[in-house]
N, C-alpha and C. Protein backbone atom coordinates (compact mmCIF):
# COMPACT_ATOMS: atom_id res chain seq x y z
N MET A 1 10.92 3.81 7.31
CA MET A 1 10.68 2.10 6.60
C MET A 1 11.89 1.78 6.65
N THR A 2 11.97 0.31 6.55
CA THR A 2 13.23 -0.56 6.33
C THR A 2 13.26 -1.01 5.43
N GLU A 3 14.71 -0.68 4.46
CA GLU A 3 15.13 -0.86 3.48
C GLU A 3 15.36 -2.69 3.17
N PRO A 4 14.16 -3.20 1.84
CA PRO A 4 13.90 -4.57 2.09
C PRO A 4 15.49 -5.08 1.07
N ARG A 5 15.44 -6.48 1.13
CA ARG A 5 17.02 -6.44 0.20
C ARG A 5 16.67 -6.47 -1.57
N GLU A 6 17.52 -5.89 -1.71
CA GLU A 6 17.59 -5.42 -3.37
C GLU A 6 16.95 -6.70 -4.25
N GLU A 7 17.20 -7.84 -4.00
CA GLU A 7 17.46 -8.97 -4.51
C GLU A 7 15.74 -9.29 -4.85
N ARG A 8 14.93 -8.96 -3.80
CA ARG A 8 13.35 -8.99 -3.97
C ARG A 8 12.62 -8.22 -4.83
N PHE A 9 13.30 -7.29 -5.40
CA PHE A 9 12.65 -6.46 -6.00
C PHE A 9 12.56 -7.45 -7.79
N ASN A 10 11.56 -7.40 -8.53
CA ASN A 10 11.38 -7.84 -9.69
C ASN A 10 11.14 -7.05 -10.58
N PHE A 11 10.81 -7.48 -11.88
CA PHE A 11 10.11 -6.73 -13.14
C PHE A 11 8.92 -6.66 -13.18
N ASN A 12 8.33 -7.19 -11.70
CA ASN A 12 6.66 -6.75 -12.14
C ASN A 12 6.52 -5.28 -10.92
N HIS A 13 7.21 -5.52 -9.64
CA HIS A 13 7.22 -4.05 -9.17
C HIS A 13 7.82 -2.75 -9.72
N VAL A 14 8.82 -2.82 -10.75
CA VAL A 14 9.50 -1.81 -11.69
C VAL A 14 8.46 -1.31 -12.57
N ALA A 15 7.43 -2.89 -12.94
CA ALA A 15 6.90 -2.07 -14.43
C ALA A 15 5.73 -1.58 -13.74
N LEU A 16 5.06 -2.03 -12.53
CA LEU A 16 3.52 -1.48 -11.99
C LEU A 16 3.93 -0.14 -11.27
N ALA A 17 5.26 0.37 -10.41
CA ALA A 17 5.62 1.82 -10.33
C ALA A 17 5.79 2.48 -11.71
N ALA A 18 6.18 2.21 -12.62
CA ALA A 18 7.05 3.13 -13.85
C ALA A 18 5.31 3.55 -14.08
N ARG A 19 4.31 2.61 -14.12
CA ARG A 19 2.95 2.86 -14.57
C ARG A 19 1.97 3.41 -13.92
N ALA A 20 2.60 3.71 -12.16
CA ALA A 20 1.15 4.14 -11.49
C ALA A 20 0.74 5.51 -11.78
N SER A 21 1.92 5.96 -12.37
CA SER A 21 1.40 7.65 -12.51
C SER A 21 0.44 7.57 -13.40
N ASP A 22 -0.08 6.51 -13.85
CA ASP A 22 -0.97 6.64 -15.02
C ASP A 22 -2.42 6.26 -14.31
N PHE A 23 -2.60 5.53 -12.87
CA PHE A 23 -3.14 5.02 -11.84
C PHE A 23 -2.87 4.70 -10.78
N SER A 24 -3.94 4.11 -10.38
CA SER A 24 -3.62 3.83 -8.19
C SER A 24 -3.53 2.55 -8.57
N LEU A 25 -2.58 2.22 -7.55
CA LEU A 25 -2.14 0.62 -7.17
C LEU A 25 -2.72 -0.15 -6.07
N LEU A 26 -3.68 -0.62 -5.86
CA LEU A 26 -4.34 -1.24 -4.95
C LEU A 26 -3.57 -2.79 -4.67
N THR A 27 -4.00 -3.07 -3.39
CA THR A 27 -2.70 -4.22 -3.14
C THR A 27 -3.48 -4.73 -2.09
N THR A 28 -3.13 -6.03 -1.66
CA THR A 28 -3.26 -6.58 -0.70
C THR A 28 -2.05 -7.31 0.42
N ASN A 29 -1.32 -6.53 -0.29
CA ASN A 29 0.29 -7.14 0.17
C ASN A 29 0.43 -5.75 1.78
N TRP A 30 1.11 -6.97 2.62
CA TRP A 30 1.75 -5.53 3.53
C TRP A 30 3.08 -5.01 3.51
N ASP A 31 3.70 -5.79 2.36
CA ASP A 31 5.60 -5.59 2.21
C ASP A 31 5.35 -3.90 1.33
N LEU A 32 6.74 -3.49 1.23
CA LEU A 32 6.93 -2.30 1.00
C LEU A 32 7.64 -2.69 -0.41
N LEU A 33 7.74 -3.16 -0.68
CA LEU A 33 8.15 -3.27 -2.20
C LEU A 33 7.83 -2.54 -3.39
N LEU A 34 6.91 -2.09 -3.11
CA LEU A 34 6.50 -1.08 -4.27
C LEU A 34 6.46 0.04 -4.01
N GLU A 35 6.67 0.62 -3.07
CA GLU A 35 6.96 1.64 -2.41
C GLU A 35 8.68 1.96 -2.57
N HIS A 36 9.53 1.11 -1.82
CA HIS A 36 10.51 1.28 -2.22
C HIS A 36 11.41 1.56 -3.60
N THR A 37 10.38 0.84 -4.86
CA THR A 37 10.63 0.35 -6.05
C THR A 37 10.28 1.98 -6.62
N ALA A 38 9.41 2.35 -6.18
CA ALA A 38 9.03 3.62 -6.89
C ALA A 38 10.07 5.21 -6.34
N THR A 39 10.53 4.44 -5.16
CA THR A 39 11.50 5.48 -4.41
C THR A 39 12.36 5.84 -5.45
N LYS A 40 13.29 4.12 -5.95
CA LYS A 40 14.22 3.80 -6.47
C LYS A 40 14.29 4.15 -7.95
N LEU A 41 12.87 4.60 -8.28
CA LEU A 41 12.60 5.40 -9.44
C LEU A 41 12.53 6.56 -9.57
N GLY A 42 12.49 7.25 -8.55
CA GLY A 42 12.75 8.63 -8.56
C GLY A 42 11.19 9.57 -8.48
N LEU A 43 10.32 8.46 -7.66
CA LEU A 43 9.00 8.75 -7.92
C LEU A 43 8.70 9.43 -6.36
N SER A 44 7.65 9.91 -5.85
CA SER A 44 7.34 9.79 -4.55
C SER A 44 6.07 9.75 -4.69
N VAL A 45 5.54 8.65 -3.32
CA VAL A 45 4.48 7.78 -2.90
C VAL A 45 3.25 8.56 -1.97
N HIS A 46 2.41 8.67 -2.48
CA HIS A 46 1.12 8.73 -1.62
C HIS A 46 0.26 7.84 -1.48
N ARG A 47 0.49 7.23 -0.58
CA ARG A 47 -0.35 5.82 0.04
C ARG A 47 -1.55 6.29 1.16
N ILE A 48 -2.59 5.22 1.12
CA ILE A 48 -3.77 5.24 1.62
C ILE A 48 -3.64 3.57 2.60
N ILE A 49 -3.55 3.76 3.75
CA ILE A 49 -3.44 2.58 4.49
C ILE A 49 -5.05 2.39 5.01
N PHE A 50 -5.51 0.98 4.67
CA PHE A 50 -6.80 0.83 5.35
C PHE A 50 -6.36 -0.36 6.68
N GLY A 51 -6.79 0.07 7.26
CA GLY A 51 -6.83 -1.36 8.95
C GLY A 51 -7.91 -1.63 9.05
N LYS A 52 -7.82 -2.46 10.13
CA LYS A 52 -8.62 -3.24 10.54
C LYS A 52 -10.07 -3.06 10.63
N ASN A 53 -10.45 -1.18 10.99
CA ASN A 53 -11.82 -1.27 10.94
C ASN A 53 -11.90 0.75 10.33
N GLN A 54 -10.44 0.91 9.49
CA GLN A 54 -10.60 2.09 9.14
C GLN A 54 -9.31 2.53 8.45
N ILE A 55 -9.73 3.55 7.95
CA ILE A 55 -8.34 4.19 7.27
C ILE A 55 -7.55 4.49 7.96
N GLU A 56 -6.18 3.78 8.38
CA GLU A 56 -4.85 4.35 10.00
C GLU A 56 -4.22 5.40 9.03
N ARG A 57 -4.24 5.61 8.06
CA ARG A 57 -3.39 6.55 7.25
C ARG A 57 -3.39 6.77 6.14
N THR A 58 -3.05 8.30 6.07
CA THR A 58 -3.32 8.24 4.13
C THR A 58 -2.61 10.10 3.95
N ASP A 59 -2.44 10.49 3.02
CA ASP A 59 -1.14 11.05 2.79
C ASP A 59 -1.90 11.77 1.32
N TRP A 60 -3.23 12.23 1.25
CA TRP A 60 -3.74 12.59 0.37
C TRP A 60 -3.11 13.60 -0.33
N GLY A 61 -3.39 13.66 -1.96
CA GLY A 61 -2.13 14.68 -2.72
C GLY A 61 -0.97 14.81 -2.61
N GLN A 62 0.14 13.99 -1.81
CA GLN A 62 1.30 13.63 -1.68
C GLN A 62 1.87 12.55 -2.57
N GLY A 63 2.44 12.97 -3.45
CA GLY A 63 3.55 11.83 -4.28
C GLY A 63 3.11 11.96 -6.00
N ASP A 64 3.77 11.41 -6.23
CA ASP A 64 3.74 11.08 -8.13
C ASP A 64 3.08 9.70 -8.47
N ILE A 65 2.78 8.75 -7.11
CA ILE A 65 1.65 7.85 -7.60
C ILE A 65 1.20 7.54 -6.04
N SER A 66 -0.04 6.62 -6.40
CA SER A 66 -0.88 6.14 -5.14
C SER A 66 -0.90 5.01 -5.02
N ILE A 67 -0.52 4.37 -3.81
CA ILE A 67 -0.74 3.16 -3.53
C ILE A 67 -2.00 3.24 -2.77
N VAL A 68 -3.06 1.93 -2.45
CA VAL A 68 -3.91 1.59 -1.45
C VAL A 68 -3.51 0.49 -1.11
N LYS A 69 -3.58 0.34 0.52
CA LYS A 69 -3.23 -0.86 0.63
C LYS A 69 -4.22 -1.01 1.74
N LEU A 70 -4.90 -2.43 0.93
CA LEU A 70 -6.30 -2.98 1.49
C LEU A 70 -6.44 -3.52 3.20
N HIS A 71 -5.07 -4.34 2.87
CA HIS A 71 -4.72 -5.13 4.17
C HIS A 71 -3.83 -4.66 5.05
N GLY A 72 -3.65 -3.01 5.26
CA GLY A 72 -2.61 -2.64 6.01
C GLY A 72 -1.53 -2.58 5.63
N SER A 73 -0.47 -2.26 6.24
CA SER A 73 0.76 -2.09 6.04
C SER A 73 1.60 -2.24 6.88
N VAL A 74 3.18 -2.98 6.64
CA VAL A 74 4.07 -3.81 7.58
C VAL A 74 4.48 -2.90 8.77
N ASP A 75 4.19 -1.31 8.04
CA ASP A 75 5.16 0.10 8.82
C ASP A 75 4.20 0.41 9.87
N VAL A 76 3.08 -0.18 9.69
CA VAL A 76 1.92 0.42 10.58
C VAL A 76 1.01 -0.59 10.85
N PRO A 77 2.10 -1.60 12.25
CA PRO A 77 1.36 -2.39 12.77
C PRO A 77 -0.01 -3.19 12.91
N PRO A 78 -0.89 -1.80 13.62
CA PRO A 78 -2.27 -1.62 14.04
C PRO A 78 -3.07 -1.71 12.84
N SER A 79 -2.70 -1.75 11.51
CA SER A 79 -3.41 -1.58 10.43
C SER A 79 -3.63 -3.30 9.87
N LEU A 80 -2.61 -3.99 10.14
CA LEU A 80 -2.60 -5.25 9.88
C LEU A 80 -3.90 -5.80 9.91
N VAL A 81 -4.29 -6.10 8.82
CA VAL A 81 -5.48 -7.45 8.34
C VAL A 81 -5.01 -8.73 8.26
N THR A 82 -5.49 -9.66 9.49
CA THR A 82 -4.55 -11.03 9.68
C THR A 82 -5.82 -11.99 9.24
N THR A 83 -6.76 -12.02 9.28
CA THR A 83 -8.43 -12.86 8.99
C THR A 83 -8.83 -12.60 8.27
N VAL A 84 -9.66 -13.37 7.31
CA VAL A 84 -10.80 -13.53 6.58
C VAL A 84 -12.11 -12.36 7.32
N ASP A 85 -12.03 -12.72 8.63
CA ASP A 85 -13.19 -12.17 9.33
C ASP A 85 -13.09 -10.30 9.43
N GLN A 86 -11.99 -9.95 9.89
CA GLN A 86 -11.46 -9.30 9.90
C GLN A 86 -11.46 -8.21 8.59
N ALA A 87 -11.16 -9.31 7.57
CA ALA A 87 -11.11 -8.19 6.15
C ALA A 87 -12.64 -7.88 5.67
N GLY A 88 -13.58 -9.05 6.07
CA GLY A 88 -15.10 -8.59 5.93
C GLY A 88 -15.23 -7.27 6.73
N ARG A 89 -15.07 -7.71 7.93
CA ARG A 89 -15.47 -6.31 8.96
C ARG A 89 -15.20 -4.91 8.15
N ASN A 90 -13.88 -4.94 7.65
CA ASN A 90 -13.55 -3.71 7.21
C ASN A 90 -14.23 -3.17 6.01
N SER A 91 -14.43 -4.47 5.08
CA SER A 91 -15.43 -4.41 4.11
C SER A 91 -16.76 -3.26 4.30
N GLN A 92 -17.64 -3.95 5.35
CA GLN A 92 -18.39 -3.35 5.66
C GLN A 92 -18.71 -2.32 6.42
N THR A 93 -17.42 -2.22 7.10
CA THR A 93 -17.69 -0.69 7.79
C THR A 93 -16.99 0.30 6.70
N SER A 94 -16.47 0.25 5.20
CA SER A 94 -16.03 1.20 4.57
C SER A 94 -17.57 1.15 3.71
N ILE A 95 -18.15 0.65 3.80
CA ILE A 95 -19.37 0.25 2.80
C ILE A 95 -20.75 1.57 3.40
N ARG A 96 -20.69 1.06 4.89
CA ARG A 96 -21.42 1.77 5.75
C ARG A 96 -21.39 3.17 5.34
N LYS A 97 -20.21 4.15 5.58
CA LYS A 97 -19.91 5.45 5.60
C LYS A 97 -20.28 5.85 4.55
């Protein structure tokens, strides 16, 4: 993962990452700010990355906190959901399974 600029971290990222051991974080953001913030706090991260039509990657049971990336992640380019049509198709595919 490419390290983002430090000044992009803000209080919200730190607060969410610090509390995330109590719940899973669901995000539509592609960036890696939550993951990098958690790492800076000494936490390991378990990510579930949804792609255009499926779950692209998961590290089940790995990590102190769970981050669910509903529209993909910048470090897994095929997973990126970029249109409303793609987002809707992803939801329908998940519901049918």
